[in-house]
């Protein structure tokens, strides 16, 4: 199942910093390496938990977050973006049960 992977600048920068820091670490520095990995994972987790902008375009020309959408925009987003992916996932998992996927899973 193909998926579009979109990384933010913060996530890319965190990965680049992590790769640079871990480049010259030897087995003698296990504690340092462990701390760096924990800090990198924590920063990626914290930076990745903000409301991401999704499909509809708002009045400022930017994509809206889920909280900024009205009910009809949310329904359209679910119908156009989420339901096709869910149909693919559920259809692959149990094709006889989920041959037709709709909003009443």
Protein backbone atom coordinates (compact mmCIF):
# COMPACT_ATOMS: atom_id res chain seq x y z
CA UNK A 1 0.00 0.00 0.00
CA UNK A 2 1.74 3.23 -1.09
CA UNK A 3 1.70 6.08 1.39
CA UNK A 4 2.95 9.62 1.04
CA UNK A 5 5.50 10.36 3.72
CA UNK A 6 5.85 14.04 4.47
CA UNK A 7 8.48 15.15 6.95
CA UNK A 8 8.60 18.58 8.50
CA UNK A 9 11.79 20.61 8.54
CA UNK A 10 12.16 19.94 12.28
CA UNK A 11 11.95 16.17 11.79
CA UNK A 12 14.52 16.26 8.97
CA UNK A 13 16.86 18.48 11.01
CA UNK A 14 16.55 16.15 14.02
CA UNK A 15 17.52 13.18 11.87
CA UNK A 16 20.50 15.03 10.39
CA UNK A 17 21.73 16.12 13.83
CA UNK A 18 21.34 12.59 15.15
CA UNK A 19 23.29 11.11 12.23
CA UNK A 20 26.08 13.64 12.73
CA UNK A 21 26.31 13.00 16.46
CA UNK A 22 26.33 9.22 16.14
CA UNK A 23 28.93 9.16 13.37
CA UNK A 24 32.03 8.79 15.56
CA UNK A 25 30.63 7.04 18.63
CA UNK A 26 32.46 3.91 19.76
CA UNK A 27 31.33 1.16 22.13
CA UNK A 28 33.04 2.99 25.00
CA UNK A 29 30.46 5.73 24.75
CA UNK A 30 27.30 3.61 25.19
CA UNK A 31 25.84 5.92 27.84
CA UNK A 32 26.36 9.01 25.66
CA UNK A 33 24.86 7.29 22.63
CA UNK A 34 21.86 6.12 24.65
CA UNK A 35 21.23 9.63 25.96
CA UNK A 36 21.49 11.11 22.47
CA UNK A 37 19.01 8.57 21.11
CA UNK A 38 16.56 9.26 23.95
CA UNK A 39 16.83 13.03 23.42
CA UNK A 40 16.40 12.68 19.66
CA UNK A 41 13.36 10.42 20.06
CA UNK A 42 11.81 12.78 22.61
CA UNK A 43 12.35 15.85 20.44
CA UNK A 44 10.93 14.11 17.37
CA UNK A 45 7.92 12.96 19.36
CA UNK A 46 7.27 16.38 20.83
CA UNK A 47 7.73 18.22 17.54
CA UNK A 48 5.56 15.74 15.66
CA UNK A 49 2.54 16.11 17.96
CA UNK A 50 1.28 19.47 16.85
CA UNK A 51 -1.95 19.78 14.84
CA UNK A 52 -0.97 18.99 11.29
CA UNK A 53 -2.64 20.85 8.48
CA UNK A 54 -4.76 18.62 6.25
CA UNK A 55 -6.80 18.93 3.07
CA UNK A 56 -9.06 22.03 2.75
CA UNK A 57 -7.57 25.46 2.12
CA UNK A 58 -8.66 28.20 4.52
CA UNK A 59 -9.16 31.92 3.92
CA UNK A 60 -5.44 32.71 4.44
CA UNK A 61 -4.48 30.26 1.70
CA UNK A 62 -3.12 27.65 4.16
CA UNK A 63 -4.43 24.15 4.72
CA UNK A 64 -6.72 23.81 7.74
CA UNK A 65 -6.23 21.63 10.80
CA UNK A 66 -9.01 19.29 11.88
CA UNK A 67 -10.10 21.73 14.60
CA UNK A 68 -10.38 24.58 12.08
CA UNK A 69 -12.64 22.64 9.68
CA UNK A 70 -16.41 22.81 9.80
CA UNK A 71 -18.56 19.66 9.71
CA UNK A 72 -18.97 19.52 5.92
CA UNK A 73 -15.20 19.96 5.39
CA UNK A 74 -14.51 17.18 7.89
CA UNK A 75 -16.94 14.84 6.14
CA UNK A 76 -15.41 15.62 2.75
CA UNK A 77 -11.90 15.01 4.10
CA UNK A 78 -12.92 11.67 5.60
CA UNK A 79 -14.65 10.62 2.37
CA UNK A 80 -11.81 11.68 0.05
CA UNK A 81 -8.66 10.95 2.08
CA UNK A 82 -9.33 8.58 4.98
CA UNK A 83 -11.95 6.19 3.62
CA UNK A 84 -9.90 5.03 0.57
CA UNK A 85 -6.91 4.22 2.79
CA UNK A 86 -9.15 2.44 5.34
CA UNK A 87 -10.81 0.46 2.55
CA UNK A 88 -7.40 -0.66 1.29
CA UNK A 89 -6.16 -1.62 4.77
CA UNK A 90 -9.32 -3.44 5.84
CA UNK A 91 -9.79 -5.04 2.41
CA UNK A 92 -6.26 -6.45 2.53
CA UNK A 93 -6.73 -7.67 6.10
CA UNK A 94 -10.13 -9.39 5.70
CA UNK A 95 -11.31 -9.13 2.08
CA UNK A 96 -14.43 -11.25 2.55
CA UNK A 97 -15.66 -9.12 5.45
CA UNK A 98 -14.65 -5.70 4.10
CA UNK A 99 -15.36 -6.01 0.38
CA UNK A 100 -17.24 -2.69 0.56
CA UNK A 101 -16.05 -0.19 3.15
CA UNK A 102 -18.19 2.76 4.12
CA UNK A 103 -18.40 5.16 7.06
CA UNK A 104 -20.06 2.56 9.31
CA UNK A 105 -17.11 0.24 9.98
